[in-house]
Amino acid sequence: AHLFRRHPLTALAGLYSLFSLAGVPGTPGATFWLGLARVLVERGSRG
């Protein structure tokens, strides 16, 4: 896409938001996914 070819760093800034929303490891949003997984393991909620 033209944003990615003309302004690659800006595209990476936008991708960082998307990655964090998706819980990609290393982003702040991943802590919510991992935090819930840890709680579910402690509670034994396998489903």
ModelCIF file with pLDDT and N, C-alpha, C, O atoms, coordinates in Angstrom:
data_MODEL
#
_entry.id   MODEL 
#
_entity.id                         1 
_entity.type                       polymer 
_entity.pdbx_number_of_molecules   1 
#
_entity_poly.entity_id                      1 
_entity_poly.type                           'polypeptide(L)' 
_entity_poly.nstd_linkage                   no 
_entity_poly.nstd_monomer                   no 
_entity_poly.pdbx_seq_one_letter_code       AHLFRRHPLTALAGLYSLFSLAGVPGTPGATFWLGLARVLVERGSRG 
_entity_poly.pdbx_seq_one_letter_code_can   AHLFRRHPLTALAGLYSLFSLAGVPGTPGATFWLGLARVLVERGSRG 
_entity_poly.pdbx_strand_id                 A 
#
loop_
_entity_poly_seq.entity_id 
_entity_poly_seq.num 
_entity_poly_seq.mon_id 
_entity_poly_seq.hetero 
1 1  ALA n 
1 2  HIS n 
1 3  LEU n 
1 4  PHE n 
1 5  ARG n 
1 6  ARG n 
1 7  HIS n 
1 8  PRO n 
1 9  LEU n 
1 10 THR n 
1 11 ALA n 
1 12 LEU n 
1 13 ALA n 
1 14 GLY n 
1 15 LEU n 
1 16 TYR n 
1 17 SER n 
1 18 LEU n 
1 19 PHE n 
1 20 SER n 
1 21 LEU n 
1 22 ALA n 
1 23 GLY n 
1 24 VAL n 
1 25 PRO n 
1 26 GLY n 
1 27 THR n 
1 28 PRO n 
1 29 GLY n 
1 30 ALA n 
1 31 THR n 
1 32 PHE n 
1 33 TRP n 
1 34 LEU n 
1 35 GLY n 
1 36 LEU n 
1 37 ALA n 
1 38 ARG n 
1 39 VAL n 
1 40 LEU n 
1 41 VAL n 
1 42 GLU n 
1 43 ARG n 
1 44 GLY n 
1 45 SER n 
1 46 ARG n 
1 47 GLY n 
#
_struct_asym.id          A 
_struct_asym.entity_id   1 
#
loop_
_ma_qa_metric.id 
_ma_qa_metric.mode 
_ma_qa_metric.name 
_ma_qa_metric.software_group_id 
_ma_qa_metric.type 
1 global pLDDT . pLDDT 
2 local  pLDDT . pLDDT 
#
_ma_qa_metric_global.metric_id      1 
_ma_qa_metric_global.metric_value   89.11 
_ma_qa_metric_global.model_id       1 
_ma_qa_metric_global.ordinal_id     1 
#
loop_
_ma_qa_metric_local.label_asym_id 
_ma_qa_metric_local.label_comp_id 
_ma_qa_metric_local.label_seq_id 
_ma_qa_metric_local.metric_id 
_ma_qa_metric_local.metric_value 
_ma_qa_metric_local.model_id 
_ma_qa_metric_local.ordinal_id 
A ALA 1  2 70.00 1 1  
A HIS 2  2 73.00 1 2  
A LEU 3  2 78.00 1 3  
A PHE 4  2 79.00 1 4  
A ARG 5  2 79.00 1 5  
A ARG 6  2 80.00 1 6  
A HIS 7  2 82.00 1 7  
A PRO 8  2 85.00 1 8  
A LEU 9  2 90.00 1 9  
A THR 10 2 89.00 1 10 
A ALA 11 2 87.00 1 11 
A LEU 12 2 91.00 1 12 
A ALA 13 2 91.00 1 13 
A GLY 14 2 89.00 1 14 
A LEU 15 2 92.00 1 15 
A TYR 16 2 94.00 1 16 
A SER 17 2 93.00 1 17 
A LEU 18 2 93.00 1 18 
A PHE 19 2 95.00 1 19 
A SER 20 2 94.00 1 20 
A LEU 21 2 94.00 1 21 
A ALA 22 2 93.00 1 22 
A GLY 23 2 92.00 1 23 
A VAL 24 2 93.00 1 24 
A PRO 25 2 92.00 1 25 
A GLY 26 2 89.00 1 26 
A THR 27 2 92.00 1 27 
A PRO 28 2 92.00 1 28 
A GLY 29 2 91.00 1 29 
A ALA 30 2 93.00 1 30 
A THR 31 2 92.00 1 31 
A PHE 32 2 93.00 1 32 
A TRP 33 2 94.00 1 33 
A LEU 34 2 93.00 1 34 
A GLY 35 2 92.00 1 35 
A LEU 36 2 93.00 1 36 
A ALA 37 2 94.00 1 37 
A ARG 38 2 93.00 1 38 
A VAL 39 2 91.00 1 39 
A LEU 40 2 92.00 1 40 
A VAL 41 2 92.00 1 41 
A GLU 42 2 89.00 1 42 
A ARG 43 2 86.00 1 43 
A GLY 44 2 84.00 1 44 
A SER 45 2 86.00 1 45 
A ARG 46 2 90.00 1 46 
A GLY 47 2 89.00 1 47 
#
loop_
_atom_site.group_PDB 
_atom_site.id 
_atom_site.type_symbol 
_atom_site.label_atom_id 
_atom_site.label_alt_id 
_atom_site.label_comp_id 
_atom_site.label_asym_id 
_atom_site.label_entity_id 
_atom_site.label_seq_id 
_atom_site.pdbx_PDB_ins_code 
_atom_site.Cartn_x 
_atom_site.Cartn_y 
_atom_site.Cartn_z 
_atom_site.occupancy 
_atom_site.B_iso_or_equiv 
_atom_site.pdbx_formal_charge 
_atom_site.auth_seq_id 
_atom_site.auth_comp_id 
_atom_site.auth_asym_id 
_atom_site.auth_atom_id 
_atom_site.pdbx_PDB_model_num 
ATOM 1   N N  . ALA A 1 1  ? 0.843   -1.198  0.000  1.00 70.00 ? 1  ALA A N  1 
ATOM 2   C CA . ALA A 1 1  ? 0.000   0.000   0.000  1.00 70.00 ? 1  ALA A CA 1 
ATOM 3   C C  . ALA A 1 1  ? 0.881   1.252   0.000  1.00 70.00 ? 1  ALA A C  1 
ATOM 4   O O  . ALA A 1 1  ? 2.044   1.206   0.401  1.00 70.00 ? 1  ALA A O  1 
ATOM 5   N N  . HIS A 1 2  ? 0.299   2.387   -0.462 1.00 73.00 ? 2  HIS A N  1 
ATOM 6   C CA . HIS A 1 2  ? 1.119   3.585   -0.625 1.00 73.00 ? 2  HIS A CA 1 
ATOM 7   C C  . HIS A 1 2  ? 1.639   4.112   0.705  1.00 73.00 ? 2  HIS A C  1 
ATOM 8   O O  . HIS A 1 2  ? 2.732   4.676   0.745  1.00 73.00 ? 2  HIS A O  1 
ATOM 9   N N  . LEU A 1 3  ? 0.882   3.945   1.815  1.00 78.00 ? 3  LEU A N  1 
ATOM 10  C CA . LEU A 1 3  ? 1.386   4.373   3.115  1.00 78.00 ? 3  LEU A CA 1 
ATOM 11  C C  . LEU A 1 3  ? 2.647   3.599   3.478  1.00 78.00 ? 3  LEU A C  1 
ATOM 12  O O  . LEU A 1 3  ? 3.614   4.180   3.970  1.00 78.00 ? 3  LEU A O  1 
ATOM 13  N N  . PHE A 1 4  ? 2.641   2.300   3.237  1.00 79.00 ? 4  PHE A N  1 
ATOM 14  C CA . PHE A 1 4  ? 3.762   1.455   3.617  1.00 79.00 ? 4  PHE A CA 1 
ATOM 15  C C  . PHE A 1 4  ? 4.984   1.716   2.748  1.00 79.00 ? 4  PHE A C  1 
ATOM 16  O O  . PHE A 1 4  ? 6.116   1.560   3.205  1.00 79.00 ? 4  PHE A O  1 
ATOM 17  N N  . ARG A 1 5  ? 4.761   2.113   1.492  1.00 79.00 ? 5  ARG A N  1 
ATOM 18  C CA . ARG A 1 5  ? 5.892   2.355   0.598  1.00 79.00 ? 5  ARG A CA 1 
ATOM 19  C C  . ARG A 1 5  ? 6.420   3.775   0.725  1.00 79.00 ? 5  ARG A C  1 
ATOM 20  O O  . ARG A 1 5  ? 7.624   4.007   0.616  1.00 79.00 ? 5  ARG A O  1 
ATOM 21  N N  . ARG A 1 6  ? 5.517   4.725   0.956  1.00 80.00 ? 6  ARG A N  1 
ATOM 22  C CA . ARG A 1 6  ? 5.937   6.132   1.025  1.00 80.00 ? 6  ARG A CA 1 
ATOM 23  C C  . ARG A 1 6  ? 6.383   6.520   2.440  1.00 80.00 ? 6  ARG A C  1 
ATOM 24  O O  . ARG A 1 6  ? 7.324   7.297   2.599  1.00 80.00 ? 6  ARG A O  1 
ATOM 25  N N  . HIS A 1 7  ? 5.721   5.990   3.454  1.00 82.00 ? 7  HIS A N  1 
ATOM 26  C CA . HIS A 1 7  ? 6.016   6.343   4.846  1.00 82.00 ? 7  HIS A CA 1 
ATOM 27  C C  . HIS A 1 7  ? 6.133   5.057   5.674  1.00 82.00 ? 7  HIS A C  1 
ATOM 28  O O  . HIS A 1 7  ? 5.255   4.785   6.493  1.00 82.00 ? 7  HIS A O  1 
ATOM 29  N N  . PRO A 1 8  ? 7.171   4.276   5.489  1.00 85.00 ? 8  PRO A N  1 
ATOM 30  C CA . PRO A 1 8  ? 7.265   2.981   6.181  1.00 85.00 ? 8  PRO A CA 1 
ATOM 31  C C  . PRO A 1 8  ? 7.318   3.099   7.701  1.00 85.00 ? 8  PRO A C  1 
ATOM 32  O O  . PRO A 1 8  ? 6.747   2.258   8.396  1.00 85.00 ? 8  PRO A O  1 
ATOM 33  N N  . LEU A 1 9  ? 7.990   4.123   8.236  1.00 90.00 ? 9  LEU A N  1 
ATOM 34  C CA . LEU A 1 9  ? 8.060   4.262   9.693  1.00 90.00 ? 9  LEU A CA 1 
ATOM 35  C C  . LEU A 1 9  ? 6.692   4.604   10.286 1.00 90.00 ? 9  LEU A C  1 
ATOM 36  O O  . LEU A 1 9  ? 6.329   4.111   11.353 1.00 90.00 ? 9  LEU A O  1 
ATOM 37  N N  . THR A 1 10 ? 5.947   5.443   9.592  1.00 89.00 ? 10 THR A N  1 
ATOM 38  C CA . THR A 1 10 ? 4.598   5.757   10.053 1.00 89.00 ? 10 THR A CA 1 
ATOM 39  C C  . THR A 1 10 ? 3.712   4.525   9.997  1.00 89.00 ? 10 THR A C  1 
ATOM 40  O O  . THR A 1 10 ? 2.885   4.308   10.882 1.00 89.00 ? 10 THR A O  1 
ATOM 41  N N  . ALA A 1 11 ? 3.885   3.716   8.955  1.00 87.00 ? 11 ALA A N  1 
ATOM 42  C CA . ALA A 1 11 ? 3.121   2.470   8.872  1.00 87.00 ? 11 ALA A CA 1 
ATOM 43  C C  . ALA A 1 11 ? 3.470   1.542   10.030 1.00 87.00 ? 11 ALA A C  1 
ATOM 44  O O  . ALA A 1 11 ? 2.591   0.865   10.564 1.00 87.00 ? 11 ALA A O  1 
ATOM 45  N N  . LEU A 1 12 ? 4.728   1.502   10.420 1.00 91.00 ? 12 LEU A N  1 
ATOM 46  C CA . LEU A 1 12 ? 5.118   0.673   11.560 1.00 91.00 ? 12 LEU A CA 1 
ATOM 47  C C  . LEU A 1 12 ? 4.508   1.187   12.852 1.00 91.00 ? 12 LEU A C  1 
ATOM 48  O O  . LEU A 1 12 ? 4.167   0.398   13.733 1.00 91.00 ? 12 LEU A O  1 
ATOM 49  N N  . ALA A 1 13 ? 4.365   2.515   12.978 1.00 91.00 ? 13 ALA A N  1 
ATOM 50  C CA . ALA A 1 13 ? 3.706   3.067   14.158 1.00 91.00 ? 13 ALA A CA 1 
ATOM 51  C C  . ALA A 1 13 ? 2.244   2.621   14.217 1.00 91.00 ? 13 ALA A C  1 
ATOM 52  O O  . ALA A 1 13 ? 1.731   2.289   15.285 1.00 91.00 ? 13 ALA A O  1 
ATOM 53  N N  . GLY A 1 14 ? 1.579   2.617   13.054 1.00 89.00 ? 14 GLY A N  1 
ATOM 54  C CA . GLY A 1 14 ? 0.210   2.112   13.025 1.00 89.00 ? 14 GLY A CA 1 
ATOM 55  C C  . GLY A 1 14 ? 0.136   0.624   13.281 1.00 89.00 ? 14 GLY A C  1 
ATOM 56  O O  . GLY A 1 14 ? -0.771  0.152   13.967 1.00 89.00 ? 14 GLY A O  1 
ATOM 57  N N  . LEU A 1 15 ? 1.086   -0.120  12.736 1.00 92.00 ? 15 LEU A N  1 
ATOM 58  C CA . LEU A 1 15 ? 1.119   -1.566  12.976 1.00 92.00 ? 15 LEU A CA 1 
ATOM 59  C C  . LEU A 1 15 ? 1.362   -1.881  14.447 1.00 92.00 ? 15 LEU A C  1 
ATOM 60  O O  . LEU A 1 15 ? 0.886   -2.897  14.954 1.00 92.00 ? 15 LEU A O  1 
ATOM 61  N N  . TYR A 1 16 ? 2.100   -1.017  15.131 1.00 94.00 ? 16 TYR A N  1 
ATOM 62  C CA . TYR A 1 16 ? 2.346   -1.235  16.554 1.00 94.00 ? 16 TYR A CA 1 
ATOM 63  C C  . TYR A 1 16 ? 1.033   -1.204  17.335 1.00 94.00 ? 16 TYR A C  1 
ATOM 64  O O  . TYR A 1 16 ? 0.835   -1.995  18.257 1.00 94.00 ? 16 TYR A O  1 
ATOM 65  N N  . SER A 1 17 ? 0.144   -0.294  16.963 1.00 93.00 ? 17 SER A N  1 
ATOM 66  C CA . SER A 1 17 ? -1.177  -0.252  17.599 1.00 93.00 ? 17 SER A CA 1 
ATOM 67  C C  . SER A 1 17 ? -1.957  -1.526  17.312 1.00 93.00 ? 17 SER A C  1 
ATOM 68  O O  . SER A 1 17 ? -2.574  -2.096  18.212 1.00 93.00 ? 17 SER A O  1 
ATOM 69  N N  . LEU A 1 18 ? -1.930  -1.975  16.058 1.00 93.00 ? 18 LEU A N  1 
ATOM 70  C CA . LEU A 1 18 ? -2.635  -3.195  15.689 1.00 93.00 ? 18 LEU A CA 1 
ATOM 71  C C  . LEU A 1 18 ? -2.037  -4.408  16.398 1.00 93.00 ? 18 LEU A C  1 
ATOM 72  O O  . LEU A 1 18 ? -2.771  -5.260  16.898 1.00 93.00 ? 18 LEU A O  1 
ATOM 73  N N  . PHE A 1 19 ? -0.731  -4.485  16.442 1.00 95.00 ? 19 PHE A N  1 
ATOM 74  C CA . PHE A 1 19 ? -0.071  -5.610  17.119 1.00 95.00 ? 19 PHE A CA 1 
ATOM 75  C C  . PHE A 1 19 ? -0.416  -5.648  18.599 1.00 95.00 ? 19 PHE A C  1 
ATOM 76  O O  . PHE A 1 19 ? -0.636  -6.718  19.166 1.00 95.00 ? 19 PHE A O  1 
ATOM 77  N N  . SER A 1 20 ? -0.461  -4.477  19.221 1.00 94.00 ? 20 SER A N  1 
ATOM 78  C CA . SER A 1 20 ? -0.797  -4.435  20.641 1.00 94.00 ? 20 SER A CA 1 
ATOM 79  C C  . SER A 1 20 ? -2.233  -4.872  20.880 1.00 94.00 ? 20 SER A C  1 
ATOM 80  O O  . SER A 1 20 ? -2.525  -5.546  21.868 1.00 94.00 ? 20 SER A O  1 
ATOM 81  N N  . LEU A 1 21 ? -3.138  -4.488  19.972 1.00 94.00 ? 21 LEU A N  1 
ATOM 82  C CA . LEU A 1 21 ? -4.526  -4.925  20.084 1.00 94.00 ? 21 LEU A CA 1 
ATOM 83  C C  . LEU A 1 21 ? -4.636  -6.432  19.932 1.00 94.00 ? 21 LEU A C  1 
ATOM 84  O O  . LEU A 1 21 ? -5.469  -7.061  20.585 1.00 94.00 ? 21 LEU A O  1 
ATOM 85  N N  . ALA A 1 22 ? -3.804  -7.020  19.077 1.00 93.00 ? 22 ALA A N  1 
ATOM 86  C CA . ALA A 1 22 ? -3.821  -8.458  18.835 1.00 93.00 ? 22 ALA A CA 1 
ATOM 87  C C  . ALA A 1 22 ? -3.030  -9.249  19.862 1.00 93.00 ? 22 ALA A C  1 
ATOM 88  O O  . ALA A 1 22 ? -3.046  -10.480 19.830 1.00 93.00 ? 22 ALA A O  1 
ATOM 89  N N  . GLY A 1 23 ? -2.339  -8.575  20.772 1.00 92.00 ? 23 GLY A N  1 
ATOM 90  C CA . GLY A 1 23 ? -1.593  -9.281  21.805 1.00 92.00 ? 23 GLY A CA 1 
ATOM 91  C C  . GLY A 1 23 ? -0.290  -9.878  21.332 1.00 92.00 ? 23 GLY A C  1 
ATOM 92  O O  . GLY A 1 23 ? 0.157   -10.888 21.878 1.00 92.00 ? 23 GLY A O  1 
ATOM 93  N N  . VAL A 1 24 ? 0.343   -9.273  20.317 1.00 93.00 ? 24 VAL A N  1 
ATOM 94  C CA . VAL A 1 24 ? 1.639   -9.771  19.845 1.00 93.00 ? 24 VAL A CA 1 
ATOM 95  C C  . VAL A 1 24 ? 2.657   -9.629  20.972 1.00 93.00 ? 24 VAL A C  1 
ATOM 96  O O  . VAL A 1 24 ? 2.728   -8.569  21.593 1.00 93.00 ? 24 VAL A O  1 
ATOM 97  N N  . PRO A 1 25 ? 3.451   -10.669 21.256 1.00 92.00 ? 25 PRO A N  1 
ATOM 98  C CA . PRO A 1 25 ? 4.421   -10.601 22.356 1.00 92.00 ? 25 PRO A CA 1 
ATOM 99  C C  . PRO A 1 25 ? 5.360   -9.418  22.215 1.00 92.00 ? 25 PRO A C  1 
ATOM 100 O O  . PRO A 1 25 ? 5.828   -9.103  21.121 1.00 92.00 ? 25 PRO A O  1 
ATOM 101 N N  . GLY A 1 26 ? 5.628   -8.765  23.343 1.00 89.00 ? 26 GLY A N  1 
ATOM 102 C CA . GLY A 1 26 ? 6.491   -7.596  23.361 1.00 89.00 ? 26 GLY A CA 1 
ATOM 103 C C  . GLY A 1 26 ? 5.737   -6.286  23.343 1.00 89.00 ? 26 GLY A C  1 
ATOM 104 O O  . GLY A 1 26 ? 6.340   -5.239  23.580 1.00 89.00 ? 26 GLY A O  1 
ATOM 105 N N  . THR A 1 27 ? 4.438   -6.298  23.070 1.00 92.00 ? 27 THR A N  1 
ATOM 106 C CA . THR A 1 27 ? 3.624   -5.090  23.076 1.00 92.00 ? 27 THR A CA 1 
ATOM 107 C C  . THR A 1 27 ? 2.880   -4.980  24.401 1.00 92.00 ? 27 THR A C  1 
ATOM 108 O O  . THR A 1 27 ? 2.667   -5.991  25.069 1.00 92.00 ? 27 THR A O  1 
ATOM 109 N N  . PRO A 1 28 ? 2.480   -3.762  24.798 1.00 92.00 ? 28 PRO A N  1 
ATOM 110 C CA . PRO A 1 28 ? 1.730   -3.609  26.054 1.00 92.00 ? 28 PRO A CA 1 
ATOM 111 C C  . PRO A 1 28 ? 0.426   -4.390  26.075 1.00 92.00 ? 28 PRO A C  1 
ATOM 112 O O  . PRO A 1 28 ? 0.004   -4.858  27.133 1.00 92.00 ? 28 PRO A O  1 
ATOM 113 N N  . GLY A 1 29 ? -0.219  -4.538  24.922 1.00 91.00 ? 29 GLY A N  1 
ATOM 114 C CA . GLY A 1 29 ? -1.485  -5.259  24.888 1.00 91.00 ? 29 GLY A CA 1 
ATOM 115 C C  . GLY A 1 29 ? -1.353  -6.729  25.205 1.00 91.00 ? 29 GLY A C  1 
ATOM 116 O O  . GLY A 1 29 ? -2.328  -7.360  25.612 1.00 91.00 ? 29 GLY A O  1 
ATOM 117 N N  . ALA A 1 30 ? -0.162  -7.296  25.027 1.00 93.00 ? 30 ALA A N  1 
ATOM 118 C CA . ALA A 1 30 ? 0.028   -8.718  25.319 1.00 93.00 ? 30 ALA A CA 1 
ATOM 119 C C  . ALA A 1 30 ? -0.131  -9.018  26.796 1.00 93.00 ? 30 ALA A C  1 
ATOM 120 O O  . ALA A 1 30 ? -0.449  -10.148 27.166 1.00 93.00 ? 30 ALA A O  1 
ATOM 121 N N  . THR A 1 31 ? 0.087   -8.014  27.655 1.00 92.00 ? 31 THR A N  1 
ATOM 122 C CA . THR A 1 31 ? -0.037  -8.260  29.096 1.00 92.00 ? 31 THR A CA 1 
ATOM 123 C C  . THR A 1 31 ? -1.461  -8.606  29.494 1.00 92.00 ? 31 THR A C  1 
ATOM 124 O O  . THR A 1 31 ? -1.667  -9.345  30.456 1.00 92.00 ? 31 THR A O  1 
ATOM 125 N N  . PHE A 1 32 ? -2.457  -8.084  28.769 1.00 93.00 ? 32 PHE A N  1 
ATOM 126 C CA . PHE A 1 32 ? -3.851  -8.399  29.107 1.00 93.00 ? 32 PHE A CA 1 
ATOM 127 C C  . PHE A 1 32 ? -4.183  -9.840  28.715 1.00 93.00 ? 32 PHE A C  1 
ATOM 128 O O  . PHE A 1 32 ? -4.889  -10.540 29.442 1.00 93.00 ? 32 PHE A O  1 
ATOM 129 N N  . TRP A 1 33 ? -3.676  -10.275 27.573 1.00 94.00 ? 33 TRP A N  1 
ATOM 130 C CA . TRP A 1 33 ? -3.863  -11.664 27.169 1.00 94.00 ? 33 TRP A CA 1 
ATOM 131 C C  . TRP A 1 33 ? -3.156  -12.610 28.143 1.00 94.00 ? 33 TRP A C  1 
ATOM 132 O O  . TRP A 1 33 ? -3.738  -13.600 28.586 1.00 94.00 ? 33 TRP A O  1 
ATOM 133 N N  . LEU A 1 34 ? -1.905  -12.299 28.472 1.00 93.00 ? 34 LEU A N  1 
ATOM 134 C CA . LEU A 1 34 ? -1.141  -13.173 29.362 1.00 93.00 ? 34 LEU A CA 1 
ATOM 135 C C  . LEU A 1 34 ? -1.700  -13.143 30.778 1.00 93.00 ? 34 LEU A C  1 
ATOM 136 O O  . LEU A 1 34 ? -1.732  -14.169 31.457 1.00 93.00 ? 34 LEU A O  1 
ATOM 137 N N  . GLY A 1 35 ? -2.142  -11.966 31.226 1.00 92.00 ? 35 GLY A N  1 
ATOM 138 C CA . GLY A 1 35 ? -2.724  -11.868 32.560 1.00 92.00 ? 35 GLY A CA 1 
ATOM 139 C C  . GLY A 1 35 ? -3.975  -12.720 32.696 1.00 92.00 ? 35 GLY A C  1 
ATOM 140 O O  . GLY A 1 35 ? -4.169  -13.398 33.705 1.00 92.00 ? 35 GLY A O  1 
ATOM 141 N N  . LEU A 1 36 ? -4.828  -12.680 31.666 1.00 93.00 ? 36 LEU A N  1 
ATOM 142 C CA . LEU A 1 36 ? -6.030  -13.517 31.697 1.00 93.00 ? 36 LEU A CA 1 
ATOM 143 C C  . LEU A 1 36 ? -5.660  -14.992 31.651 1.00 93.00 ? 36 LEU A C  1 
ATOM 144 O O  . LEU A 1 36 ? -6.251  -15.800 32.367 1.00 93.00 ? 36 LEU A O  1 
ATOM 145 N N  . ALA A 1 37 ? -4.689  -15.354 30.818 1.00 94.00 ? 37 ALA A N  1 
ATOM 146 C CA . ALA A 1 37 ? -4.273  -16.762 30.741 1.00 94.00 ? 37 ALA A CA 1 
ATOM 147 C C  . ALA A 1 37 ? -3.762  -17.252 32.092 1.00 94.00 ? 37 ALA A C  1 
ATOM 148 O O  . ALA A 1 37 ? -4.051  -18.377 32.499 1.00 94.00 ? 37 ALA A O  1 
ATOM 149 N N  . ARG A 1 38 ? -3.008  -16.412 32.779 1.00 93.00 ? 38 ARG A N  1 
ATOM 150 C CA . ARG A 1 38 ? -2.490  -16.803 34.094 1.00 93.00 ? 38 ARG A CA 1 
ATOM 151 C C  . ARG A 1 38 ? -3.630  -17.021 35.089 1.00 93.00 ? 38 ARG A C  1 
ATOM 152 O O  . ARG A 1 38 ? -3.604  -17.981 35.860 1.00 93.00 ? 38 ARG A O  1 
ATOM 153 N N  . VAL A 1 39 ? -4.629  -16.135 35.076 1.00 91.00 ? 39 VAL A N  1 
ATOM 154 C CA . VAL A 1 39 ? -5.774  -16.277 35.981 1.00 91.00 ? 39 VAL A CA 1 
ATOM 155 C C  . VAL A 1 39 ? -6.567  -17.536 35.663 1.00 91.00 ? 39 VAL A C  1 
ATOM 156 O O  . VAL A 1 39 ? -7.000  -18.246 36.570 1.00 91.00 ? 39 VAL A O  1 
ATOM 157 N N  . LEU A 1 40 ? -6.758  -17.815 34.374 1.00 92.00 ? 40 LEU A N  1 
ATOM 158 C CA . LEU A 1 40 ? -7.520  -19.001 33.986 1.00 92.00 ? 40 LEU A CA 1 
ATOM 159 C C  . LEU A 1 40 ? -6.800  -20.286 34.395 1.00 92.00 ? 40 LEU A C  1 
ATOM 160 O O  . LEU A 1 40 ? -7.440  -21.264 34.781 1.00 92.00 ? 40 LEU A O  1 
ATOM 161 N N  . VAL A 1 41 ? -5.488  -20.279 34.311 1.00 92.00 ? 41 VAL A N  1 
ATOM 162 C CA . VAL A 1 41 ? -4.721  -21.450 34.760 1.00 92.00 ? 41 VAL A CA 1 
ATOM 163 C C  . VAL A 1 41 ? -4.885  -21.638 36.267 1.00 92.00 ? 41 VAL A C  1 
ATOM 164 O O  . VAL A 1 41 ? -5.071  -22.758 36.743 1.00 92.00 ? 41 VAL A O  1 
ATOM 165 N N  . GLU A 1 42 ? -4.815  -20.537 37.015 1.00 89.00 ? 42 GLU A N  1 
ATOM 166 C CA . GLU A 1 42 ? -4.978  -20.635 38.471 1.00 89.00 ? 42 GLU A CA 1 
ATOM 167 C C  . GLU A 1 42 ? -6.367  -21.112 38.851 1.00 89.00 ? 42 GLU A C  1 
ATOM 168 O O  . GLU A 1 42 ? -6.526  -21.843 39.829 1.00 89.00 ? 42 GLU A O  1 
ATOM 169 N N  . ARG A 1 43 ? -7.383  -20.704 38.084 1.00 86.00 ? 43 ARG A N  1 
ATOM 170 C CA . ARG A 1 43 ? -8.761  -21.086 38.392 1.00 86.00 ? 43 ARG A CA 1 
ATOM 171 C C  . ARG A 1 43 ? -9.131  -22.461 37.831 1.00 86.00 ? 43 ARG A C  1 
ATOM 172 O O  . ARG A 1 43 ? -10.176 -23.013 38.174 1.00 86.00 ? 43 ARG A O  1 
ATOM 173 N N  . GLY A 1 44 ? -8.288  -23.001 36.985 1.00 84.00 ? 44 GLY A N  1 
ATOM 174 C CA . GLY A 1 44 ? -8.598  -24.287 36.380 1.00 84.00 ? 44 GLY A CA 1 
ATOM 175 C C  . GLY A 1 44 ? -9.667  -24.229 35.309 1.00 84.00 ? 44 GLY A C  1 
ATOM 176 O O  . GLY A 1 44 ? -10.349 -25.225 35.066 1.00 84.00 ? 44 GLY A O  1 
ATOM 177 N N  . SER A 1 45 ? -9.830  -23.085 34.662 1.00 86.00 ? 45 SER A N  1 
ATOM 178 C CA . SER A 1 45 ? -10.842 -22.923 33.613 1.00 86.00 ? 45 SER A CA 1 
ATOM 179 C C  . SER A 1 45 ? -10.253 -23.354 32.272 1.00 86.00 ? 45 SER A C  1 
ATOM 180 O O  . SER A 1 45 ? -9.844  -22.515 31.470 1.00 86.00 ? 45 SER A O  1 
ATOM 181 N N  . ARG A 1 46 ? -10.212 -24.644 32.035 1.00 90.00 ? 46 ARG A N  1 
ATOM 182 C CA . ARG A 1 46 ? -9.549  -25.159 30.839 1.00 90.00 ? 46 ARG A CA 1 
ATOM 183 C C  . ARG A 1 46 ? -10.293 -24.802 29.555 1.00 90.00 ? 46 ARG A C  1 
ATOM 184 O O  . ARG A 1 46 ? -9.674  -24.522 28.528 1.00 90.00 ? 46 ARG A O  1 
ATOM 185 N N  . GLY A 1 47 ? -11.630 -24.813 29.617 1.00 89.00 ? 47 GLY A N  1 
ATOM 186 C CA . GLY A 1 47 ? -12.398 -24.478 28.420 1.00 89.00 ? 47 GLY A CA 1 
ATOM 187 C C  . GLY A 1 47 ? -12.135 -23.062 27.952 1.00 89.00 ? 47 GLY A C  1 
ATOM 188 O O  . GLY A 1 47 ? -12.707 -22.625 26.953 1.00 89.00 ? 47 GLY A O  1 
#
